[in-house]
């Protein structure tokens, strides 16, 4: 599953080549938000946003 960012803290689900969300969007305090995803090859990737 892959998710496409739609703004204002929302994701839209898109089924594709097997990627998945490992940890949904979570706050890291004054530093913003992060989400952890696993790509189609099994690599863990962190995404960061200030908003």
PDB file of N, CA and C in Angstrom:
ATOM      1  N   UNK A   1       0.842  -1.170   0.000  1.00  0.00           N
ATOM      2  CA  UNK A   1       0.000   0.000   0.000  1.00  0.00           C
ATOM      3  C   UNK A   1       0.888   1.233   0.000  1.00  0.00           C
ATOM      4  N   UNK A   2       0.504   2.205  -0.714  1.00  0.00           N
ATOM      5  CA  UNK A   2       1.195   3.480  -0.790  1.00  0.00           C
ATOM      6  C   UNK A   2       0.178   4.568  -0.482  1.00  0.00           C
ATOM      7  N   UNK A   3       0.584   5.612   0.181  1.00  0.00           N
ATOM      8  CA  UNK A   3      -0.339   6.699   0.475  1.00  0.00           C
ATOM      9  C   UNK A   3       0.149   7.963  -0.193  1.00  0.00           C
ATOM     10  N   UNK A   4      -0.775   8.723  -0.734  1.00  0.00           N
ATOM     11  CA  UNK A   4      -0.452   9.963  -1.411  1.00  0.00           C
ATOM     12  C   UNK A   4      -0.898  11.124  -0.531  1.00  0.00           C
ATOM     13  N   UNK A   5       0.011  12.053  -0.257  1.00  0.00           N
ATOM     14  CA  UNK A   5      -0.272  13.195   0.600  1.00  0.00           C
ATOM     15  C   UNK A   5      -1.306  14.096  -0.062  1.00  0.00           C
ATOM     16  N   UNK A   6      -2.354  14.432   0.680  1.00  0.00           N
ATOM     17  CA  UNK A   6      -3.419  15.293   0.173  1.00  0.00           C
ATOM     18  C   UNK A   6      -3.524  16.606   0.928  1.00  0.00           C
ATOM     19  N   UNK A   7      -2.540  16.938   1.761  1.00  0.00           N
ATOM     20  CA  UNK A   7      -2.544  18.204   2.488  1.00  0.00           C
ATOM     21  C   UNK A   7      -3.383  18.163   3.750  1.00  0.00           C
ATOM     22  N   UNK A   8      -3.149  19.101   4.633  1.00  0.00           N
ATOM     23  CA  UNK A   8      -3.890  19.243   5.892  1.00  0.00           C
ATOM     24  C   UNK A   8      -3.905  17.960   6.725  1.00  0.00           C
ATOM     25  N   UNK A   9      -2.778  17.234   6.725  1.00  0.00           N
ATOM     26  CA  UNK A   9      -2.652  16.062   7.576  1.00  0.00           C
ATOM     27  C   UNK A   9      -3.397  14.830   7.113  1.00  0.00           C
ATOM     28  N   UNK A  10      -3.814  14.792   5.840  1.00  0.00           N
ATOM     29  CA  UNK A  10      -4.573  13.638   5.352  1.00  0.00           C
ATOM     30  C   UNK A  10      -3.773  12.883   4.304  1.00  0.00           C
ATOM     31  N   UNK A  11      -3.936  11.582   4.320  1.00  0.00           N
ATOM     32  CA  UNK A  11      -3.362  10.722   3.297  1.00  0.00           C
ATOM     33  C   UNK A  11      -4.500  10.025   2.568  1.00  0.00           C
ATOM     34  N   UNK A  12      -4.306   9.736   1.307  1.00  0.00           N
ATOM     35  CA  UNK A  12      -5.260   8.952   0.543  1.00  0.00           C
ATOM     36  C   UNK A  12      -4.617   7.610   0.241  1.00  0.00           C
ATOM     37  N   UNK A  13      -5.329   6.536   0.518  1.00  0.00           N
ATOM     38  CA  UNK A  13      -4.785   5.193   0.263  1.00  0.00           C
ATOM     39  C   UNK A  13      -4.681   4.924  -1.231  1.00  0.00           C
ATOM     40  N   UNK A  14      -3.586   4.347  -1.627  1.00  0.00           N
ATOM     41  CA  UNK A  14      -3.385   3.902  -3.006  1.00  0.00           C
ATOM     42  C   UNK A  14      -2.676   2.560  -2.932  1.00  0.00           C
ATOM     43  N   UNK A  15      -3.313   1.523  -3.431  1.00  0.00           N
ATOM     44  CA  UNK A  15      -2.682   0.213  -3.440  1.00  0.00           C
ATOM     45  C   UNK A  15      -1.761   0.134  -4.648  1.00  0.00           C
ATOM     46  N   UNK A  16      -0.519  -0.263  -4.395  1.00  0.00           N
ATOM     47  CA  UNK A  16       0.433  -0.339  -5.502  1.00  0.00           C
ATOM     48  C   UNK A  16       1.305  -1.571  -5.336  1.00  0.00           C
ATOM     49  N   UNK A  17       2.587  -1.426  -5.415  1.00  0.00           N
ATOM     50  CA  UNK A  17       3.514  -2.553  -5.486  1.00  0.00           C
ATOM     51  C   UNK A  17       3.916  -3.160  -4.154  1.00  0.00           C
ATOM     52  N   UNK A  18       3.233  -2.874  -3.075  1.00  0.00           N
ATOM     53  CA  UNK A  18       3.516  -3.558  -1.828  1.00  0.00           C
ATOM     54  C   UNK A  18       4.150  -2.743  -0.724  1.00  0.00           C
ATOM     55  N   UNK A  19       4.354  -1.444  -0.886  1.00  0.00           N
ATOM     56  CA  UNK A  19       4.848  -0.614   0.206  1.00  0.00           C
ATOM     57  C   UNK A  19       3.782  -0.536   1.297  1.00  0.00           C
ATOM     58  N   UNK A  20       4.190  -0.166   2.525  1.00  0.00           N
ATOM     59  CA  UNK A  20       3.198  -0.071   3.599  1.00  0.00           C
ATOM     60  C   UNK A  20       3.612   0.964   4.636  1.00  0.00           C
ATOM     61  N   UNK A  21       2.659   1.400   5.432  1.00  0.00           N
ATOM     62  CA  UNK A  21       2.911   2.325   6.530  1.00  0.00           C
ATOM     63  C   UNK A  21       3.356   1.501   7.742  1.00  0.00           C
ATOM     64  N   UNK A  22       4.539   1.799   8.268  1.00  0.00           N
ATOM     65  CA  UNK A  22       5.046   1.099   9.452  1.00  0.00           C
ATOM     66  C   UNK A  22       4.547   1.783  10.723  1.00  0.00           C
ATOM     67  N   UNK A  23       4.658   3.100  10.775  1.00  0.00           N
ATOM     68  CA  UNK A  23       4.132   3.913  11.875  1.00  0.00           C
ATOM     69  C   UNK A  23       3.403   5.107  11.262  1.00  0.00           C
ATOM     70  N   UNK A  24       2.141   5.318  11.607  1.00  0.00           N
ATOM     71  CA  UNK A  24       1.428   6.472  11.065  1.00  0.00           C
ATOM     72  C   UNK A  24       2.018   7.789  11.580  1.00  0.00           C
ATOM     73  N   UNK A  25       1.557   8.881  11.027  1.00  0.00           N
ATOM     74  CA  UNK A  25       2.024  10.206  11.407  1.00  0.00           C
ATOM     75  C   UNK A  25       1.938  10.376  12.919  1.00  0.00           C
ATOM     76  N   UNK A  26       3.067  10.819  13.520  1.00  0.00           N
ATOM     77  CA  UNK A  26       3.102  11.030  14.962  1.00  0.00           C
ATOM     78  C   UNK A  26       3.895  12.293  15.276  1.00  0.00           C
ATOM     79  N   UNK A  27       3.529  12.939  16.355  1.00  0.00           N
ATOM     80  CA  UNK A  27       4.176  14.179  16.760  1.00  0.00           C
ATOM     81  C   UNK A  27       5.537  13.904  17.383  1.00  0.00           C
ATOM     82  N   UNK A  28       6.489  14.790  17.093  1.00  0.00           N
ATOM     83  CA  UNK A  28       7.788  14.760  17.760  1.00  0.00           C
ATOM     84  C   UNK A  28       8.020  16.127  18.424  1.00  0.00           C
ATOM     85  N   UNK A  29       6.933  16.639  19.006  1.00  0.00           N
ATOM     86  CA  UNK A  29       6.994  17.903  19.754  1.00  0.00           C
ATOM     87  C   UNK A  29       7.238  19.103  18.857  1.00  0.00           C
ATOM     88  N   UNK A  30       8.085  20.004  19.325  1.00  0.00           N
ATOM     89  CA  UNK A  30       8.347  21.251  18.586  1.00  0.00           C
ATOM     90  C   UNK A  30       9.038  21.007  17.242  1.00  0.00           C
ATOM     91  N   UNK A  31       9.488  19.796  17.002  1.00  0.00           N
ATOM     92  CA  UNK A  31      10.211  19.476  15.766  1.00  0.00           C
ATOM     93  C   UNK A  31       9.293  19.027  14.637  1.00  0.00           C
ATOM     94  N   UNK A  32       7.994  18.912  14.892  1.00  0.00           N
ATOM     95  CA  UNK A  32       7.042  18.572  13.838  1.00  0.00           C
ATOM     96  C   UNK A  32       6.475  17.170  13.969  1.00  0.00           C
ATOM     97  N   UNK A  33       6.399  16.488  12.836  1.00  0.00           N
ATOM     98  CA  UNK A  33       5.783  15.168  12.764  1.00  0.00           C
ATOM     99  C   UNK A  33       6.640  14.248  11.919  1.00  0.00           C
ATOM    100  N   UNK A  34       6.551  12.951  12.208  1.00  0.00           N
ATOM    101  CA  UNK A  34       7.223  11.954  11.378  1.00  0.00           C
ATOM    102  C   UNK A  34       6.273  10.799  11.104  1.00  0.00           C
ATOM    103  N   UNK A  35       6.565  10.078  10.056  1.00  0.00           N
ATOM    104  CA  UNK A  35       5.880   8.843   9.714  1.00  0.00           C
ATOM    105  C   UNK A  35       6.946   7.894   9.183  1.00  0.00           C
ATOM    106  N   UNK A  36       6.810   6.614   9.510  1.00  0.00           N
ATOM    107  CA  UNK A  36       7.753   5.611   9.021  1.00  0.00           C
ATOM    108  C   UNK A  36       7.036   4.714   8.025  1.00  0.00           C
ATOM    109  N   UNK A  37       7.651   4.521   6.875  1.00  0.00           N
ATOM    110  CA  UNK A  37       7.063   3.694   5.825  1.00  0.00           C
ATOM    111  C   UNK A  37       8.083   2.652   5.368  1.00  0.00           C
ATOM    112  N   UNK A  38       7.589   1.552   4.856  1.00  0.00           N
ATOM    113  CA  UNK A  38       8.440   0.502   4.297  1.00  0.00           C
ATOM    114  C   UNK A  38       8.175   0.475   2.797  1.00  0.00           C
ATOM    115  N   UNK A  39       9.240   0.619   2.009  1.00  0.00           N
ATOM    116  CA  UNK A  39       9.055   0.629   0.552  1.00  0.00           C
ATOM    117  C   UNK A  39       8.911  -0.802   0.019  1.00  0.00           C
ATOM    118  N   UNK A  40       8.793  -0.915  -1.285  1.00  0.00           N
ATOM    119  CA  UNK A  40       8.538  -2.218  -1.917  1.00  0.00           C
ATOM    120  C   UNK A  40       9.701  -3.192  -1.795  1.00  0.00           C
ATOM    121  N   UNK A  41      10.905  -2.693  -1.453  1.00  0.00           N
ATOM    122  CA  UNK A  41      12.070  -3.554  -1.298  1.00  0.00           C
ATOM    123  C   UNK A  41      12.375  -3.849   0.166  1.00  0.00           C
ATOM    124  N   UNK A  42      11.505  -3.393   1.078  1.00  0.00           N
ATOM    125  CA  UNK A  42      11.687  -3.662   2.497  1.00  0.00           C
ATOM    126  C   UNK A  42      12.500  -2.634   3.255  1.00  0.00           C
ATOM    127  N   UNK A  43      12.865  -1.524   2.604  1.00  0.00           N
ATOM    128  CA  UNK A  43      13.633  -0.474   3.272  1.00  0.00           C
ATOM    129  C   UNK A  43      12.718   0.389   4.122  1.00  0.00           C
ATOM    130  N   UNK A  44      13.121   0.677   5.360  1.00  0.00           N
ATOM    131  CA  UNK A  44      12.372   1.544   6.250  1.00  0.00           C
ATOM    132  C   UNK A  44      12.780   2.987   5.977  1.00  0.00           C
ATOM    133  N   UNK A  45      11.793   3.854   5.716  1.00  0.00           N
ATOM    134  CA  UNK A  45      12.043   5.239   5.350  1.00  0.00           C
ATOM    135  C   UNK A  45      11.282   6.138   6.314  1.00  0.00           C
ATOM    136  N   UNK A  46      11.924   7.185   6.809  1.00  0.00           N
ATOM    137  CA  UNK A  46      11.273   8.161   7.666  1.00  0.00           C
ATOM    138  C   UNK A  46      10.923   9.408   6.878  1.00  0.00           C
ATOM    139  N   UNK A  47       9.690   9.878   7.064  1.00  0.00           N
ATOM    140  CA  UNK A  47       9.237  11.118   6.435  1.00  0.00           C
ATOM    141  C   UNK A  47       9.037  12.156   7.526  1.00  0.00           C
ATOM    142  N   UNK A  48       9.468  13.398   7.287  1.00  0.00           N
ATOM    143  CA  UNK A  48       9.397  14.459   8.295  1.00  0.00           C
ATOM    144  C   UNK A  48       8.656  15.658   7.742  1.00  0.00           C
ATOM    145  N   UNK A  49       7.861  16.298   8.594  1.00  0.00           N
ATOM    146  CA  UNK A  49       7.144  17.519   8.222  1.00  0.00           C
ATOM    147  C   UNK A  49       7.084  18.427   9.443  1.00  0.00           C
ATOM    148  N   UNK A  50       7.221  19.727   9.237  1.00  0.00           N
ATOM    149  CA  UNK A  50       7.089  20.674  10.345  1.00  0.00           C
ATOM    150  C   UNK A  50       5.634  20.927  10.702  1.00  0.00           C
ATOM    151  N   UNK A  51       4.717  20.646   9.780  1.00  0.00           N
ATOM    152  CA  UNK A  51       3.285  20.890  10.022  1.00  0.00           C
ATOM    153  C   UNK A  51       2.504  19.610  10.034  1.00  0.00           C
TER     154      UNK A  51
END
